[in-house]
Amino acid sequence: MTTPTAQGDPRFPYLGFGLRLRRDYVPEVLRLRPDVGWFEIISENYMDAEPDELRQLDAIRSRYPLTMHGISLSIGSPWPLDTDYLERLKKLLDRVDPAWVSDHLCWSGADDNHGRMLPLPYSQDTLEHLVSRIAKVQDYLGRRILLENVPVGRGRFSQEITEAEFLREVAEQSDSLILLDISNLHTTCVNQGLELDDYLRLLPGNRVQQIHLAGATQLCEPGARSGESVKDPIWDFYGDTLAHFGPVSTMIERIDCMPSLEEMVGQLHRARRAAGAIAS
């Protein structure tokens, strides 16, 4: 059974600005109730979690919307879908009832610690393969999924379809949604000599559901402060993306270091200010 195409705007409700929920943050989140719109969890971190961890997650879920972000779906793999993984994912979905669930549009599973995300060949054959697999996943989970763009390295690759067009066709033909990672987008544009405006014009704005935004690299430097002004091209790309699409639910993340919750909330406020400046 193929998931029917949604009519009108298929996106889920706008959630504002959220953070990645790291285990180290959980006690502070429960105690302080920081000014955060929502939290994103890594699905695999809670599939086999201890009962106490799940009860803490339930407590946070009662106060904040949650989303789930996976790293092991391997939607672009040539091998059969992992039914055991999907069963465990659905069990967690049914418990958490997240606002939405996402993973990576890549050749193999993504490694959250090492960033092992292999871009797909953008061809008609790959598109047909993906659309069929996404339909099966969405049918099994009973909900639409988001798929995240991955970084492409240097070199001129012979692709039948440009990346942005490929993302558009995958989303529209499978009735899925797009998670736009700004750091990955920046890497791809720089490495492939692409213009951001040209890329964004090819994406279907009504399917860009979420943004991943890495805070300034300097935040991980000793003595850096969350509120200080830093020059980072990621923020420029973020501003241009919002100017093109309007408000998009944004999750602030750091995967290369572990800032404090206070520092991450500071980065979240910076994203709010950036979005507010564009809106005004």
C-alpha atoms as a PDB file:
ATOM      1  CA  MET A   1       0.000   0.000   0.000  1.00  0.00           C
ATOM      2  CA  THR A   2       1.363   3.407  -0.963  1.00  0.00           C
ATOM      3  CA  THR A   3       0.902   6.384   1.353  1.00  0.00           C
ATOM      4  CA  PRO A   4      -1.580   8.762  -0.308  1.00  0.00           C
ATOM      5  CA  THR A   5      -0.353  12.205  -1.252  1.00  0.00           C
ATOM      6  CA  ALA A   6      -1.403  14.821   1.285  1.00  0.00           C
ATOM      7  CA  GLN A   7      -3.631  17.648   0.094  1.00  0.00           C
ATOM      8  CA  GLY A   8      -2.538  21.244   0.671  1.00  0.00           C
ATOM      9  CA  ASP A   9       0.265  21.861   3.146  1.00  0.00           C
ATOM     10  CA  PRO A  10       1.373  18.465   4.515  1.00  0.00           C
ATOM     11  CA  ARG A  11       3.569  19.843   7.294  1.00  0.00           C
ATOM     12  CA  PHE A  12       3.079  19.213  11.002  1.00  0.00           C
ATOM     13  CA  PRO A  13       2.452  22.182  13.316  1.00  0.00           C
ATOM     14  CA  TYR A  14       5.234  24.713  13.861  1.00  0.00           C
ATOM     15  CA  LEU A  15       7.014  24.127  17.193  1.00  0.00           C
ATOM     16  CA  GLY A  16       9.400  27.077  17.315  1.00  0.00           C
ATOM     17  CA  PHE A  17      12.903  26.521  18.717  1.00  0.00           C
ATOM     18  CA  GLY A  18      14.125  23.322  20.357  1.00  0.00           C
ATOM     19  CA  LEU A  19      17.239  21.539  21.579  1.00  0.00           C
ATOM     20  CA  ARG A  20      18.719  18.063  21.315  1.00  0.00           C
ATOM     21  CA  LEU A  21      17.905  16.303  24.606  1.00  0.00           C
ATOM     22  CA  ARG A  22      21.193  14.832  25.801  1.00  0.00           C
ATOM     23  CA  ARG A  23      21.117  12.507  28.786  1.00  0.00           C
ATOM     24  CA  ASP A  24      23.315  14.933  30.747  1.00  0.00           C
ATOM     25  CA  TYR A  25      20.658  17.617  30.349  1.00  0.00           C
ATOM     26  CA  VAL A  26      17.729  15.574  31.634  1.00  0.00           C
ATOM     27  CA  PRO A  27      18.060  16.338  35.402  1.00  0.00           C
ATOM     28  CA  GLU A  28      18.414  20.073  34.735  1.00  0.00           C
ATOM     29  CA  VAL A  29      15.498  20.088  32.313  1.00  0.00           C
ATOM     30  CA  LEU A  30      13.268  18.435  34.897  1.00  0.00           C
ATOM     31  CA  ARG A  31      14.453  20.727  37.675  1.00  0.00           C
ATOM     32  CA  LEU A  32      14.703  24.084  35.874  1.00  0.00           C
ATOM     33  CA  ARG A  33      12.128  23.811  33.078  1.00  0.00           C
ATOM     34  CA  PRO A  34      14.196  25.984  30.702  1.00  0.00           C
ATOM     35  CA  ASP A  35      12.623  28.272  28.130  1.00  0.00           C
ATOM     36  CA  VAL A  36      12.791  25.758  25.286  1.00  0.00           C
ATOM     37  CA  GLY A  37       9.986  25.149  22.836  1.00  0.00           C
ATOM     38  CA  TRP A  38      10.620  21.418  22.352  1.00  0.00           C
ATOM     39  CA  PHE A  39      13.245  18.692  22.540  1.00  0.00           C
ATOM     40  CA  GLU A  40      14.563  16.187  20.023  1.00  0.00           C
ATOM     41  CA  ILE A  41      15.758  12.769  21.159  1.00  0.00           C
ATOM     42  CA  ILE A  42      17.930  10.284  19.296  1.00  0.00           C
ATOM     43  CA  SER A  43      15.589   7.338  18.784  1.00  0.00           C
ATOM     44  CA  GLU A  44      18.244   4.680  19.298  1.00  0.00           C
ATOM     45  CA  ASN A  45      19.189   6.117  22.706  1.00  0.00           C
ATOM     46  CA  TYR A  46      15.786   5.154  24.102  1.00  0.00           C
ATOM     47  CA  MET A  47      14.890   1.955  22.255  1.00  0.00           C
ATOM     48  CA  ASP A  48      16.435  -0.191  24.977  1.00  0.00           C
ATOM     49  CA  ALA A  49      16.456   2.376  27.767  1.00  0.00           C
ATOM     50  CA  GLU A  50      16.100   1.472  31.426  1.00  0.00           C
ATOM     51  CA  PRO A  51      12.664   2.020  33.020  1.00  0.00           C
ATOM     52  CA  ASP A  52      13.938   5.024  35.015  1.00  0.00           C
ATOM     53  CA  GLU A  53      15.153   6.713  31.822  1.00  0.00           C
ATOM     54  CA  LEU A  54      11.803   6.145  30.167  1.00  0.00           C
ATOM     55  CA  ARG A  55       9.961   7.548  33.182  1.00  0.00           C
ATOM     56  CA  GLN A  56      12.159  10.670  33.027  1.00  0.00           C
ATOM     57  CA  LEU A  57      11.377  10.950  29.328  1.00  0.00           C
ATOM     58  CA  ASP A  58       7.659  10.645  30.124  1.00  0.00           C
ATOM     59  CA  ALA A  59       8.030  13.497  32.619  1.00  0.00           C
ATOM     60  CA  ILE A  60       9.699  15.709  30.019  1.00  0.00           C
ATOM     61  CA  ARG A  61       7.073  14.700  27.437  1.00  0.00           C
ATOM     62  CA  SER A  62       4.371  15.944  29.818  1.00  0.00           C
ATOM     63  CA  ARG A  63       5.990  19.417  29.764  1.00  0.00           C
ATOM     64  CA  TYR A  64       7.473  19.750  26.275  1.00  0.00           C
ATOM     65  CA  PRO A  65       6.709  18.444  22.785  1.00  0.00           C
ATOM     66  CA  LEU A  66       9.226  15.797  21.705  1.00  0.00           C
ATOM     67  CA  THR A  67      10.462  14.725  18.294  1.00  0.00           C
ATOM     68  CA  MET A  68      12.448  11.588  17.463  1.00  0.00           C
ATOM     69  CA  HIS A  69      15.523  11.587  15.213  1.00  0.00           C
ATOM     70  CA  GLY A  70      16.966   8.275  14.070  1.00  0.00           C
ATOM     71  CA  ILE A  71      20.428   7.345  12.841  1.00  0.00           C
ATOM     72  CA  SER A  72      19.930   3.735  11.720  1.00  0.00           C
ATOM     73  CA  LEU A  73      16.995   3.558   9.294  1.00  0.00           C
ATOM     74  CA  SER A  74      19.329   3.164   6.287  1.00  0.00           C
ATOM     75  CA  ILE A  75      16.547   4.202   3.950  1.00  0.00           C
ATOM     76  CA  GLY A  76      18.863   4.289   0.916  1.00  0.00           C
ATOM     77  CA  SER A  77      20.438   0.890   1.520  1.00  0.00           C
ATOM     78  CA  PRO A  78      20.132  -1.744  -1.225  1.00  0.00           C
ATOM     79  CA  TRP A  79      19.427  -4.363   1.435  1.00  0.00           C
ATOM     80  CA  PRO A  80      15.956  -5.172   2.809  1.00  0.00           C
ATOM     81  CA  LEU A  81      14.518  -2.926   5.489  1.00  0.00           C
ATOM     82  CA  ASP A  82      15.450  -4.002   9.018  1.00  0.00           C
ATOM     83  CA  THR A  83      12.109  -5.197  10.364  1.00  0.00           C
ATOM     84  CA  ASP A  84      13.481  -5.674  13.885  1.00  0.00           C
ATOM     85  CA  TYR A  85      14.652  -2.064  13.935  1.00  0.00           C
ATOM     86  CA  LEU A  86      11.296  -0.843  12.629  1.00  0.00           C
ATOM     87  CA  GLU A  87       9.465  -2.846  15.287  1.00  0.00           C
ATOM     88  CA  ARG A  88      11.563  -1.300  18.063  1.00  0.00           C
ATOM     89  CA  LEU A  89      11.162   2.150  16.536  1.00  0.00           C
ATOM     90  CA  LYS A  90       7.381   1.799  16.383  1.00  0.00           C
ATOM     91  CA  LYS A  91       7.248   0.606  19.984  1.00  0.00           C
ATOM     92  CA  LEU A  92       9.075   3.754  21.074  1.00  0.00           C
ATOM     93  CA  LEU A  93       6.905   5.912  18.820  1.00  0.00           C
ATOM     94  CA  ASP A  94       3.771   4.525  20.387  1.00  0.00           C
ATOM     95  CA  ARG A  95       5.105   5.322  23.876  1.00  0.00           C
ATOM     96  CA  VAL A  96       6.545   8.777  23.196  1.00  0.00           C
ATOM     97  CA  ASP A  97       3.952   9.939  20.640  1.00  0.00           C
ATOM     98  CA  PRO A  98       6.371  12.510  19.178  1.00  0.00           C
ATOM     99  CA  ALA A  99       5.330  15.482  17.083  1.00  0.00           C
ATOM    100  CA  TRP A 100       7.240  13.778  14.257  1.00  0.00           C
ATOM    101  CA  VAL A 101      10.024  11.298  13.527  1.00  0.00           C
ATOM    102  CA  SER A 102      13.032  11.743  11.253  1.00  0.00           C
ATOM    103  CA  ASP A 103      16.164  10.042   9.934  1.00  0.00           C
ATOM    104  CA  HIS A 104      18.816  10.592   7.245  1.00  0.00           C
ATOM    105  CA  LEU A 105      18.514  10.373   3.467  1.00  0.00           C
ATOM    106  CA  CYS A 106      21.686   8.364   3.005  1.00  0.00           C
ATOM    107  CA  TRP A 107      23.204   5.208   1.622  1.00  0.00           C
ATOM    108  CA  SER A 108      23.837   3.620   4.989  1.00  0.00           C
ATOM    109  CA  GLY A 109      22.998   4.340   8.600  1.00  0.00           C
ATOM    110  CA  ALA A 110      24.291   7.639   9.949  1.00  0.00           C
ATOM    111  CA  ASP A 111      26.682   7.589  12.911  1.00  0.00           C
ATOM    112  CA  ASP A 112      25.786  10.393  15.293  1.00  0.00           C
ATOM    113  CA  ASN A 113      29.223  10.348  16.906  1.00  0.00           C
ATOM    114  CA  HIS A 114      31.364  10.132  13.798  1.00  0.00           C
ATOM    115  CA  GLY A 115      29.093  11.606  11.134  1.00  0.00           C
ATOM    116  CA  ARG A 116      29.266   8.587   8.794  1.00  0.00           C
ATOM    117  CA  MET A 117      26.619   9.562   6.272  1.00  0.00           C
ATOM    118  CA  LEU A 118      27.116   8.428   2.694  1.00  0.00           C
ATOM    119  CA  PRO A 119      25.305  10.457   0.010  1.00  0.00           C
ATOM    120  CA  LEU A 120      23.208   8.591  -2.506  1.00  0.00           C
ATOM    121  CA  PRO A 121      23.576   8.550  -6.282  1.00  0.00           C
ATOM    122  CA  TYR A 122      20.888  10.978  -7.435  1.00  0.00           C
ATOM    123  CA  SER A 123      19.300   8.968 -10.226  1.00  0.00           C
ATOM    124  CA  GLN A 124      15.862   7.861 -11.336  1.00  0.00           C
ATOM    125  CA  ASP A 125      16.605   4.298 -10.207  1.00  0.00           C
ATOM    126  CA  THR A 126      17.574   5.524  -6.724  1.00  0.00           C
ATOM    127  CA  LEU A 127      14.474   7.722  -6.581  1.00  0.00           C
ATOM    128  CA  GLU A 128      12.174   4.800  -7.376  1.00  0.00           C
ATOM    129  CA  HIS A 129      13.984   2.617  -4.832  1.00  0.00           C
ATOM    130  CA  LEU A 130      13.610   5.268  -2.126  1.00  0.00           C
ATOM    131  CA  VAL A 131       9.972   6.084  -2.787  1.00  0.00           C
ATOM    132  CA  SER A 132       9.027   2.422  -2.461  1.00  0.00           C
ATOM    133  CA  ARG A 133      10.986   1.989   0.787  1.00  0.00           C
ATOM    134  CA  ILE A 134       9.705   5.217   2.339  1.00  0.00           C
ATOM    135  CA  ALA A 135       6.140   4.145   1.561  1.00  0.00           C
ATOM    136  CA  LYS A 136       6.719   0.839   3.372  1.00  0.00           C
ATOM    137  CA  VAL A 137       8.225   2.596   6.401  1.00  0.00           C
ATOM    138  CA  GLN A 138       5.433   5.163   6.591  1.00  0.00           C
ATOM    139  CA  ASP A 139       2.774   2.504   6.220  1.00  0.00           C
ATOM    140  CA  TYR A 140       4.347   0.446   9.013  1.00  0.00           C
ATOM    141  CA  LEU A 141       4.800   3.379  11.375  1.00  0.00           C
ATOM    142  CA  GLY A 142       1.426   4.870  10.521  1.00  0.00           C
ATOM    143  CA  ARG A 143       2.860   8.365  10.069  1.00  0.00           C
ATOM    144  CA  ARG A 144       4.791  10.553   7.683  1.00  0.00           C
ATOM    145  CA  ILE A 145       8.573  10.767   8.237  1.00  0.00           C
ATOM    146  CA  LEU A 146      11.185  13.505   7.736  1.00  0.00           C
ATOM    147  CA  LEU A 147      14.427  12.807   5.885  1.00  0.00           C
ATOM    148  CA  GLU A 148      17.579  14.893   6.372  1.00  0.00           C
ATOM    149  CA  ASN A 149      20.021  16.008   3.692  1.00  0.00           C
ATOM    150  CA  VAL A 150      23.586  14.759   4.187  1.00  0.00           C
ATOM    151  CA  PRO A 151      26.872  16.529   3.318  1.00  0.00           C
ATOM    152  CA  VAL A 152      28.512  15.911  -0.054  1.00  0.00           C
ATOM    153  CA  GLY A 153      32.301  16.078  -0.349  1.00  0.00           C
ATOM    154  CA  ARG A 154      34.499  17.736  -2.918  1.00  0.00           C
ATOM    155  CA  GLY A 155      34.677  16.625  -6.513  1.00  0.00           C
ATOM    156  CA  ARG A 156      32.420  16.717  -9.531  1.00  0.00           C
ATOM    157  CA  PHE A 157      30.040  13.802  -9.389  1.00  0.00           C
ATOM    158  CA  SER A 158      28.079  12.701 -12.406  1.00  0.00           C
ATOM    159  CA  GLN A 159      24.504  12.885 -11.134  1.00  0.00           C
ATOM    160  CA  GLU A 160      21.353  12.462 -13.201  1.00  0.00           C
ATOM    161  CA  ILE A 161      19.422  14.779 -10.866  1.00  0.00           C
ATOM    162  CA  THR A 162      20.649  17.718  -8.804  1.00  0.00           C
ATOM    163  CA  GLU A 163      20.523  17.255  -5.034  1.00  0.00           C
ATOM    164  CA  ALA A 164      17.800  19.827  -4.431  1.00  0.00           C
ATOM    165  CA  GLU A 165      15.632  18.398  -7.208  1.00  0.00           C
ATOM    166  CA  PHE A 166      16.227  14.919  -5.812  1.00  0.00           C
ATOM    167  CA  LEU A 167      15.124  15.996  -2.310  1.00  0.00           C
ATOM    168  CA  ARG A 168      12.021  17.577  -3.828  1.00  0.00           C
ATOM    169  CA  GLU A 169      11.076  14.507  -5.856  1.00  0.00           C
ATOM    170  CA  VAL A 170      11.673  12.131  -2.937  1.00  0.00           C
ATOM    171  CA  ALA A 171       9.460  14.219  -0.652  1.00  0.00           C
ATOM    172  CA  GLU A 172       6.667  14.798  -3.155  1.00  0.00           C
ATOM    173  CA  GLN A 173       6.529  11.299  -4.620  1.00  0.00           C
ATOM    174  CA  SER A 174       6.650   9.558  -1.224  1.00  0.00           C
ATOM    175  CA  ASP A 175       4.574  12.174   0.643  1.00  0.00           C
ATOM    176  CA  SER A 176       7.393  12.547   3.154  1.00  0.00           C
ATOM    177  CA  LEU A 177       8.889  15.739   4.581  1.00  0.00           C
ATOM    178  CA  ILE A 178      12.313  17.391   4.625  1.00  0.00           C
ATOM    179  CA  LEU A 179      14.634  18.000   7.555  1.00  0.00           C
ATOM    180  CA  LEU A 180      17.094  20.609   6.298  1.00  0.00           C
ATOM    181  CA  ASP A 181      20.446  20.469   8.075  1.00  0.00           C
ATOM    182  CA  ILE A 182      22.066  23.872   7.572  1.00  0.00           C
ATOM    183  CA  SER A 183      25.625  22.693   8.305  1.00  0.00           C
ATOM    184  CA  ASN A 184      25.270  19.844   5.810  1.00  0.00           C
ATOM    185  CA  LEU A 185      23.775  22.242   3.282  1.00  0.00           C
ATOM    186  CA  HIS A 186      26.680  24.648   3.757  1.00  0.00           C
ATOM    187  CA  THR A 187      29.219  21.829   3.329  1.00  0.00           C
ATOM    188  CA  THR A 188      27.559  20.629   0.131  1.00  0.00           C
ATOM    189  CA  CYS A 189      27.310  24.110  -1.364  1.00  0.00           C
ATOM    190  CA  VAL A 190      30.957  24.910  -0.600  1.00  0.00           C
ATOM    191  CA  ASN A 191      32.307  21.551  -1.777  1.00  0.00           C
ATOM    192  CA  GLN A 192      30.203  21.418  -4.927  1.00  0.00           C
ATOM    193  CA  GLY A 193      30.334  25.108  -5.834  1.00  0.00           C
ATOM    194  CA  LEU A 194      26.559  25.545  -5.496  1.00  0.00           C
ATOM    195  CA  GLU A 195      24.683  28.795  -4.881  1.00  0.00           C
ATOM    196  CA  LEU A 196      22.402  28.661  -1.843  1.00  0.00           C
ATOM    197  CA  ASP A 197      19.599  30.644  -3.504  1.00  0.00           C
ATOM    198  CA  ASP A 198      19.548  28.301  -6.499  1.00  0.00           C
ATOM    199  CA  TYR A 199      19.403  25.300  -4.158  1.00  0.00           C
ATOM    200  CA  LEU A 200      16.593  26.702  -2.007  1.00  0.00           C
ATOM    201  CA  ARG A 201      14.458  27.673  -5.011  1.00  0.00           C
ATOM    202  CA  LEU A 202      14.285  24.013  -6.037  1.00  0.00           C
ATOM    203  CA  LEU A 203      13.012  22.775  -2.665  1.00  0.00           C
ATOM    204  CA  PRO A 204       9.268  22.518  -1.992  1.00  0.00           C
ATOM    205  CA  GLY A 205       8.718  25.019   0.836  1.00  0.00           C
ATOM    206  CA  ASN A 206       5.552  23.264   1.979  1.00  0.00           C
ATOM    207  CA  ARG A 207       7.603  20.142   2.816  1.00  0.00           C
ATOM    208  CA  VAL A 208      10.498  21.716   4.731  1.00  0.00           C
ATOM    209  CA  GLN A 209       9.299  20.774   8.212  1.00  0.00           C
ATOM    210  CA  GLN A 210      12.407  21.171  10.388  1.00  0.00           C
ATOM    211  CA  ILE A 211      15.872  22.695  10.465  1.00  0.00           C
ATOM    212  CA  HIS A 212      18.946  21.363  12.244  1.00  0.00           C
ATOM    213  CA  LEU A 213      21.163  24.278  13.205  1.00  0.00           C
ATOM    214  CA  ALA A 214      24.603  23.800  14.693  1.00  0.00           C
ATOM    215  CA  GLY A 215      25.554  26.623  17.032  1.00  0.00           C
ATOM    216  CA  ALA A 216      28.719  28.615  16.499  1.00  0.00           C
ATOM    217  CA  THR A 217      31.870  26.501  16.524  1.00  0.00           C
ATOM    218  CA  GLN A 218      33.456  28.925  18.971  1.00  0.00           C
ATOM    219  CA  LEU A 219      30.926  27.853  21.588  1.00  0.00           C
ATOM    220  CA  CYS A 220      33.067  24.765  22.103  1.00  0.00           C
ATOM    221  CA  GLU A 221      36.229  26.781  22.620  1.00  0.00           C
ATOM    222  CA  PRO A 222      37.444  27.226  26.221  1.00  0.00           C
ATOM    223  CA  GLY A 223      36.053  30.427  27.681  1.00  0.00           C
ATOM    224  CA  ALA A 224      33.498  31.002  24.919  1.00  0.00           C
ATOM    225  CA  ARG A 225      30.186  32.543  25.983  1.00  0.00           C
ATOM    226  CA  SER A 226      26.805  31.699  24.550  1.00  0.00           C
ATOM    227  CA  GLY A 227      25.812  35.302  24.079  1.00  0.00           C
ATOM    228  CA  GLU A 228      28.940  36.622  22.403  1.00  0.00           C
ATOM    229  CA  SER A 229      28.892  37.663  18.785  1.00  0.00           C
ATOM    230  CA  VAL A 230      30.733  35.252  16.508  1.00  0.00           C
ATOM    231  CA  LYS A 231      31.099  35.171  12.758  1.00  0.00           C
ATOM    232  CA  ASP A 232      29.899  31.846  11.494  1.00  0.00           C
ATOM    233  CA  PRO A 233      28.651  31.209   7.922  1.00  0.00           C
ATOM    234  CA  ILE A 234      26.141  28.702   9.256  1.00  0.00           C
ATOM    235  CA  TRP A 235      24.153  31.564  10.772  1.00  0.00           C
ATOM    236  CA  ASP A 236      24.201  33.405   7.440  1.00  0.00           C
ATOM    237  CA  PHE A 237      22.874  30.302   5.692  1.00  0.00           C
ATOM    238  CA  TYR A 238      20.216  29.969   8.388  1.00  0.00           C
ATOM    239  CA  GLY A 239      19.069  33.550   7.948  1.00  0.00           C
ATOM    240  CA  ASP A 240      18.880  33.178   4.173  1.00  0.00           C
ATOM    241  CA  THR A 241      16.915  29.931   4.538  1.00  0.00           C
ATOM    242  CA  LEU A 242      14.332  31.537   6.826  1.00  0.00           C
ATOM    243  CA  ALA A 243      14.100  34.536   4.509  1.00  0.00           C
ATOM    244  CA  HIS A 244      13.253  32.109   1.703  1.00  0.00           C
ATOM    245  CA  PHE A 245      10.842  29.742   3.505  1.00  0.00           C
ATOM    246  CA  GLY A 246       9.537  31.759   6.454  1.00  0.00           C
ATOM    247  CA  PRO A 247       9.338  30.232   9.956  1.00  0.00           C
ATOM    248  CA  VAL A 248      10.589  26.631  10.196  1.00  0.00           C
ATOM    249  CA  SER A 249      10.797  24.638  13.442  1.00  0.00           C
ATOM    250  CA  THR A 250      14.478  24.798  14.385  1.00  0.00           C
ATOM    251  CA  MET A 251      16.506  22.462  16.598  1.00  0.00           C
ATOM    252  CA  ILE A 252      19.886  23.667  17.915  1.00  0.00           C
ATOM    253  CA  GLU A 253      22.521  20.947  18.213  1.00  0.00           C
ATOM    254  CA  ARG A 254      26.194  20.360  18.895  1.00  0.00           C
ATOM    255  CA  ILE A 255      27.656  17.000  17.930  1.00  0.00           C
ATOM    256  CA  ASP A 256      31.352  17.841  18.232  1.00  0.00           C
ATOM    257  CA  CYS A 257      31.371  18.918  21.883  1.00  0.00           C
ATOM    258  CA  MET A 258      29.174  19.065  24.977  1.00  0.00           C
ATOM    259  CA  PRO A 259      28.255  22.628  25.963  1.00  0.00           C
ATOM    260  CA  SER A 260      26.229  23.160  29.111  1.00  0.00           C
ATOM    261  CA  LEU A 261      22.456  23.340  28.924  1.00  0.00           C
ATOM    262  CA  GLU A 262      22.705  27.048  29.777  1.00  0.00           C
ATOM    263  CA  GLU A 263      25.024  27.650  26.814  1.00  0.00           C
ATOM    264  CA  MET A 264      22.713  25.770  24.468  1.00  0.00           C
ATOM    265  CA  VAL A 265      19.702  27.752  25.653  1.00  0.00           C
ATOM    266  CA  GLY A 266      21.778  30.854  24.856  1.00  0.00           C
ATOM    267  CA  GLN A 267      22.256  29.565  21.310  1.00  0.00           C
ATOM    268  CA  LEU A 268      18.530  28.902  21.082  1.00  0.00           C
ATOM    269  CA  HIS A 269      17.809  32.516  22.059  1.00  0.00           C
ATOM    270  CA  ARG A 270      20.246  33.646  19.365  1.00  0.00           C
ATOM    271  CA  ALA A 271      18.296  31.661  16.763  1.00  0.00           C
ATOM    272  CA  ARG A 272      15.071  33.233  18.009  1.00  0.00           C
ATOM    273  CA  ARG A 273      16.573  36.693  17.636  1.00  0.00           C
ATOM    274  CA  ALA A 274      17.812  35.880  14.131  1.00  0.00           C
ATOM    275  CA  ALA A 275      14.371  34.648  13.109  1.00  0.00           C
ATOM    276  CA  GLY A 276      12.707  37.669  14.708  1.00  0.00           C
ATOM    277  CA  ALA A 277      14.969  40.075  12.821  1.00  0.00           C
ATOM    278  CA  ILE A 278      14.047  38.428   9.519  1.00  0.00           C
ATOM    279  CA  ALA A 279      10.335  38.443  10.316  1.00  0.00           C
ATOM    280  CA  SER A 280      10.408  42.152  11.129  1.00  0.00           C
END
